[in-house]
Amino acid sequence: MNLINAAVRGLVSSVTAAVALSLAAVGAQARSFEDIKKDGKIIVATEGQFAPFNYFQGAKLSGFEVEVAEAMVAKMGLKIEWKALSFDALLAGLRQDRWDMVIASHGITEERAKAVTFTDPHYCSGGVIISKSDAIKTAADLNGKTVAVQTGTTYLDNVKKLAGVKEMKNFPQDTDARAALITGRVDAWVTDRFVAKTSLAASPSAGMKMGDFLFVERIASAVSKGNTSLAGEVNKALAAILADGSYAAISKKWFDEDIRCK
């Protein structure tokens, strides 16, 4: 009996310790702007596989969103430490407070807003239909077709809403979805308008054609849910670069137009 009691007490102690650790993890707080300012450095995560917004040129992280983030962080008087990882891990890592901010072309949705706090949008765009066929331009044209999208994106969410699609193939990276179209494994690819514009210009011989918008959306960076002190400072910094011409210059460089939300 004593052995059984000892075993039970040991089990209870283990469970109690596990619960305590879980509660401690739940109680962990994201760094406020004051904490970040004391450190002098903000940790920002992105995908690094979504040209021309965030991607690697050799070993250097580059792109429109990278330059926008760096301009904002400079206005905040901080240095930036970049983290690059798969798109579907970005918001999950933010919820675990592994970094302070994510900027990776996340469209603002009600579902995402339940888990993170979005800042003001840094551009507006939408998902467009890309195909190699002149007969596939609209949402109705996707009836009976196989469509490629990236995992964890609003492109996937919106293609799911189309009842007539024969099959939706999702890929870990948007470049994989594009490759599926180019090699004829799918009939269409749904991606961001500006990504599509860049891809068509870079590969004119691939025969890709841009169709209609499937949906439009506002794109924003995100911070941990309820981290209003950091979100407020990011919004101030974004407003500053929108006002002083920095944003317009970055946008002109990458797209030859100003893509801010009108």
Protein backbone atom coordinates (compact mmCIF):
# COMPACT_ATOMS: atom_id res chain seq x y z
CA MET A 1 0.00 0.00 0.00
CA ASN A 2 2.84 2.38 0.85
CA LEU A 3 4.40 1.75 -2.54
CA ILE A 4 1.08 2.52 -4.23
CA ASN A 5 0.65 5.69 -2.19
CA ALA A 6 4.18 6.77 -3.06
CA ALA A 7 3.51 6.12 -6.74
CA VAL A 8 0.28 8.11 -6.59
CA ARG A 9 2.00 10.98 -4.78
CA GLY A 10 4.75 10.92 -7.43
CA LEU A 11 2.18 11.00 -10.21
CA VAL A 12 0.30 13.88 -8.58
CA SER A 13 3.55 15.80 -8.18
CA SER A 14 4.41 15.26 -11.83
CA VAL A 15 0.97 16.39 -12.98
CA THR A 16 1.13 19.43 -10.71
CA ALA A 17 4.52 20.38 -12.11
CA ALA A 18 3.27 19.96 -15.66
CA VAL A 19 0.24 22.14 -14.95
CA ALA A 20 2.45 24.78 -13.36
CA LEU A 21 4.67 24.83 -16.41
CA SER A 22 1.64 25.10 -18.69
CA LEU A 23 0.24 27.98 -16.68
CA ALA A 24 3.60 29.71 -16.76
CA ALA A 25 3.70 29.35 -20.53
CA VAL A 26 0.18 30.73 -20.86
CA GLY A 27 1.09 33.60 -18.59
CA ALA A 28 4.12 34.57 -20.68
CA GLN A 29 3.80 38.12 -21.96
CA ALA A 30 4.87 39.54 -25.29
CA ARG A 31 7.46 42.29 -25.05
CA SER A 32 5.90 45.74 -24.84
CA PHE A 33 7.37 48.60 -26.85
CA GLU A 34 9.04 49.86 -23.66
CA ASP A 35 10.78 46.48 -23.22
CA ILE A 36 11.87 46.46 -26.85
CA LYS A 37 13.13 50.05 -26.63
CA LYS A 38 15.26 49.18 -23.59
CA ASP A 39 16.78 46.30 -25.56
CA GLY A 40 17.28 48.55 -28.60
CA LYS A 41 16.31 45.76 -31.00
CA ILE A 42 13.04 44.41 -32.41
CA ILE A 43 12.76 40.84 -33.68
CA VAL A 44 10.77 40.66 -36.92
CA ALA A 45 9.79 37.46 -38.72
CA THR A 46 8.97 36.97 -42.39
CA GLU A 47 8.87 34.12 -44.90
CA GLY A 48 11.69 35.02 -47.27
CA GLN A 49 10.10 33.09 -50.15
CA PHE A 50 7.53 35.57 -51.47
CA ALA A 51 9.14 37.81 -54.09
CA PRO A 52 8.95 40.72 -54.56
CA PHE A 53 7.66 41.30 -51.02
CA ASN A 54 10.10 39.26 -48.93
CA TYR A 55 12.77 36.96 -50.39
CA PHE A 56 16.46 36.20 -50.40
CA GLN A 57 18.85 37.65 -52.95
CA GLY A 58 21.72 35.29 -52.21
CA ALA A 59 22.15 35.43 -48.45
CA LYS A 60 20.52 38.86 -48.11
CA LEU A 61 16.86 39.23 -47.17
CA SER A 62 15.27 41.67 -49.58
CA GLY A 63 11.96 42.90 -50.96
CA PHE A 64 9.31 45.58 -50.58
CA GLU A 65 8.14 44.50 -47.13
CA VAL A 66 11.70 44.10 -45.87
CA GLU A 67 12.48 47.70 -46.84
CA VAL A 68 9.19 48.99 -45.42
CA ALA A 69 9.87 47.23 -42.11
CA GLU A 70 13.42 48.57 -41.97
CA ALA A 71 12.18 52.11 -42.66
CA MET A 72 9.56 51.82 -39.91
CA VAL A 73 12.02 50.38 -37.42
CA ALA A 74 14.43 53.25 -38.14
CA LYS A 75 11.61 55.70 -37.33
CA MET A 76 11.11 53.84 -34.05
CA GLY A 77 14.79 54.35 -33.19
CA LEU A 78 15.54 50.62 -33.09
CA LYS A 79 17.71 48.01 -34.77
CA ILE A 80 16.10 45.02 -36.46
CA GLU A 81 16.81 41.30 -36.14
CA TRP A 82 15.26 39.22 -38.92
CA LYS A 83 13.91 35.69 -38.66
CA ALA A 84 12.88 33.80 -41.81
CA LEU A 85 10.78 30.62 -41.76
CA SER A 86 7.79 28.93 -43.40
CA PHE A 87 4.67 31.04 -43.85
CA ASP A 88 2.36 28.77 -41.85
CA ALA A 89 4.69 28.98 -38.80
CA LEU A 90 4.88 32.77 -38.62
CA LEU A 91 1.71 33.62 -36.69
CA ALA A 92 2.05 30.50 -34.53
CA GLY A 93 5.51 31.65 -33.46
CA LEU A 94 4.16 35.12 -32.78
CA ARG A 95 1.54 33.66 -30.43
CA GLN A 96 4.38 31.90 -28.61
CA ASP A 97 6.26 35.23 -28.31
CA ARG A 98 9.23 33.93 -30.31
CA TRP A 99 9.44 37.29 -32.11
CA ASP A 100 7.88 40.72 -31.71
CA MET A 101 6.33 41.31 -35.12
CA VAL A 102 5.51 39.52 -38.36
CA ILE A 103 5.49 41.19 -41.77
CA ALA A 104 4.78 38.67 -44.53
CA SER A 105 1.82 39.80 -46.65
CA HIS A 106 -0.85 38.58 -44.23
CA GLY A 107 -4.30 39.69 -45.32
CA ILE A 108 -6.45 40.96 -42.46
CA THR A 109 -9.18 38.41 -41.71
CA GLU A 110 -11.60 37.97 -38.81
CA GLU A 111 -10.18 34.53 -38.06
CA ARG A 112 -6.57 35.74 -37.88
CA ALA A 113 -7.59 38.78 -35.86
CA LYS A 114 -8.86 36.44 -33.12
CA ALA A 115 -5.29 35.23 -32.57
CA VAL A 116 -3.09 38.29 -33.28
CA THR A 117 -3.34 42.08 -33.33
CA PHE A 118 -2.98 43.60 -36.78
CA THR A 119 -1.40 46.99 -37.35
CA ASP A 120 -2.63 49.44 -39.97
CA PRO A 121 -2.31 47.98 -43.49
CA HIS A 122 0.91 48.71 -45.38
CA TYR A 123 -0.57 47.86 -48.78
CA CYS A 124 -3.75 46.75 -50.49
CA SER A 125 -3.94 44.04 -53.10
CA GLY A 126 -5.82 40.82 -53.71
CA GLY A 127 -5.75 37.32 -55.11
CA VAL A 128 -5.75 37.01 -58.90
CA ILE A 129 -6.29 34.02 -61.16
CA ILE A 130 -3.28 33.00 -63.26
CA SER A 131 -3.53 30.43 -66.03
CA LYS A 132 -1.91 29.42 -69.30
CA SER A 133 -5.33 29.23 -70.97
CA ASP A 134 -7.28 32.15 -72.45
CA ALA A 135 -10.44 30.37 -71.29
CA ILE A 136 -9.60 30.71 -67.57
CA LYS A 137 -9.99 34.30 -66.37
CA THR A 138 -12.88 34.46 -63.87
CA ALA A 139 -14.02 32.58 -60.77
CA ALA A 140 -16.68 30.87 -62.89
CA ASP A 141 -13.96 29.63 -65.26
CA LEU A 142 -12.44 27.63 -62.38
CA ASN A 143 -15.40 25.23 -62.40
CA GLY A 144 -14.09 21.71 -62.97
CA LYS A 145 -10.47 22.89 -62.80
CA THR A 146 -7.49 22.07 -60.57
CA VAL A 147 -6.12 25.12 -58.75
CA ALA A 148 -2.77 25.65 -57.00
CA VAL A 149 -2.45 27.79 -53.85
CA GLN A 150 -0.03 28.22 -50.94
CA THR A 151 -0.77 26.61 -47.57
CA GLY A 152 -2.05 28.91 -44.82
CA THR A 153 -2.98 31.80 -47.13
CA THR A 154 -6.13 33.75 -47.89
CA TYR A 155 -5.73 32.48 -51.46
CA LEU A 156 -6.39 28.98 -50.17
CA ASP A 157 -9.33 30.19 -48.04
CA ASN A 158 -11.00 31.89 -50.98
CA VAL A 159 -10.48 29.04 -53.43
CA LYS A 160 -12.11 26.75 -50.83
CA LYS A 161 -15.27 28.85 -51.14
CA LEU A 162 -15.64 27.98 -54.84
CA ALA A 163 -17.97 24.99 -54.97
CA GLY A 164 -17.19 24.12 -58.59
CA VAL A 165 -13.42 23.65 -58.29
CA LYS A 166 -12.45 20.08 -59.18
CA GLU A 167 -9.38 19.96 -56.91
CA MET A 168 -7.33 22.39 -54.86
CA LYS A 169 -3.65 21.57 -54.51
CA ASN A 170 -1.86 23.45 -51.75
CA PHE A 171 1.91 23.87 -51.53
CA PRO A 172 4.25 25.00 -48.72
CA GLN A 173 5.62 27.86 -50.84
CA ASP A 174 3.96 30.09 -53.41
CA THR A 175 6.81 29.38 -55.83
CA ASP A 176 5.83 25.69 -55.70
CA ALA A 177 2.26 26.60 -56.65
CA ARG A 178 3.56 28.66 -59.56
CA ALA A 179 5.79 25.78 -60.70
CA ALA A 180 2.77 23.46 -60.68
CA LEU A 181 1.05 25.75 -63.18
CA ILE A 182 4.11 26.17 -65.38
CA THR A 183 4.65 22.39 -65.57
CA GLY A 184 0.99 21.72 -66.32
CA ARG A 185 0.11 19.90 -63.10
CA VAL A 186 -2.74 22.35 -62.42
CA ASP A 187 -5.03 24.51 -64.54
CA ALA A 188 -4.68 27.73 -62.54
CA TRP A 189 -2.75 29.40 -59.75
CA VAL A 190 -4.21 31.98 -57.33
CA THR A 191 -1.73 34.43 -55.83
CA ASP A 192 -1.17 38.10 -55.02
CA ARG A 193 -1.61 40.53 -57.89
CA PHE A 194 1.87 42.01 -57.52
CA VAL A 195 3.53 38.61 -57.17
CA ALA A 196 1.75 37.59 -60.37
CA LYS A 197 2.80 40.78 -62.14
CA THR A 198 6.45 40.17 -61.21
CA SER A 199 6.31 36.48 -62.16
CA LEU A 200 4.78 37.17 -65.58
CA ALA A 201 7.40 39.82 -66.32
CA ALA A 202 10.25 37.55 -65.18
CA SER A 203 9.07 34.50 -67.18
CA PRO A 204 7.40 35.73 -70.38
CA SER A 205 8.08 32.43 -72.16
CA ALA A 206 6.11 30.45 -69.53
CA GLY A 207 2.84 31.45 -71.17
CA MET A 208 1.12 32.57 -67.98
CA LYS A 209 -1.77 35.04 -68.25
CA MET A 210 -3.37 37.16 -65.54
CA GLY A 211 -7.12 36.95 -65.10
CA ASP A 212 -9.56 38.65 -62.74
CA PHE A 213 -9.35 39.34 -59.03
CA LEU A 214 -10.81 36.49 -57.01
CA PHE A 215 -10.94 38.80 -53.97
CA VAL A 216 -9.36 42.00 -52.63
CA GLU A 217 -7.76 42.51 -49.23
CA ARG A 218 -5.80 44.80 -46.92
CA ILE A 219 -2.34 43.55 -45.96
CA ALA A 220 -0.80 44.30 -42.56
CA SER A 221 1.94 43.33 -40.16
CA ALA A 222 0.94 41.63 -36.90
CA VAL A 223 1.98 41.65 -33.25
CA SER A 224 0.95 39.44 -30.35
CA LYS A 225 -2.72 39.66 -29.41
CA GLY A 226 -3.34 42.68 -27.20
CA ASN A 227 0.15 44.16 -27.58
CA THR A 228 -1.30 47.63 -28.15
CA SER A 229 1.84 49.50 -27.10
CA LEU A 230 3.86 47.94 -29.92
CA ALA A 231 1.02 48.11 -32.46
CA GLY A 232 0.60 51.82 -31.72
CA GLU A 233 4.29 52.54 -32.32
CA VAL A 234 4.29 50.53 -35.55
CA ASN A 235 1.27 52.52 -36.73
CA LYS A 236 3.03 55.81 -35.90
CA ALA A 237 6.13 54.70 -37.81
CA LEU A 238 4.07 53.60 -40.82
CA ALA A 239 2.23 56.93 -40.85
CA ALA A 240 5.59 58.72 -40.74
CA ILE A 241 7.04 56.94 -43.77
CA LEU A 242 3.77 57.39 -45.66
CA ALA A 243 3.95 61.13 -44.97
CA ASP A 244 7.64 61.81 -45.65
CA GLY A 245 7.88 60.11 -49.04
CA SER A 246 9.92 57.10 -47.86
CA TYR A 247 7.10 54.65 -48.52
CA ALA A 248 6.36 56.09 -51.96
CA ALA A 249 10.02 55.75 -52.95
CA ILE A 250 10.19 52.11 -51.80
CA SER A 251 6.93 51.29 -53.56
CA LYS A 252 8.05 52.99 -56.77
CA LYS A 253 11.30 51.02 -56.69
CA TRP A 254 9.58 47.65 -56.43
CA PHE A 255 6.33 48.17 -58.38
CA ASP A 256 6.67 51.40 -60.33
CA GLU A 257 3.52 52.57 -58.52
CA ASP A 258 2.31 53.49 -55.05
CA ILE A 259 0.49 50.47 -53.60
CA ARG A 260 -0.68 52.02 -50.31
CA CYS A 261 -4.34 51.54 -49.45
CA LYS A 262 -6.38 54.37 -50.92
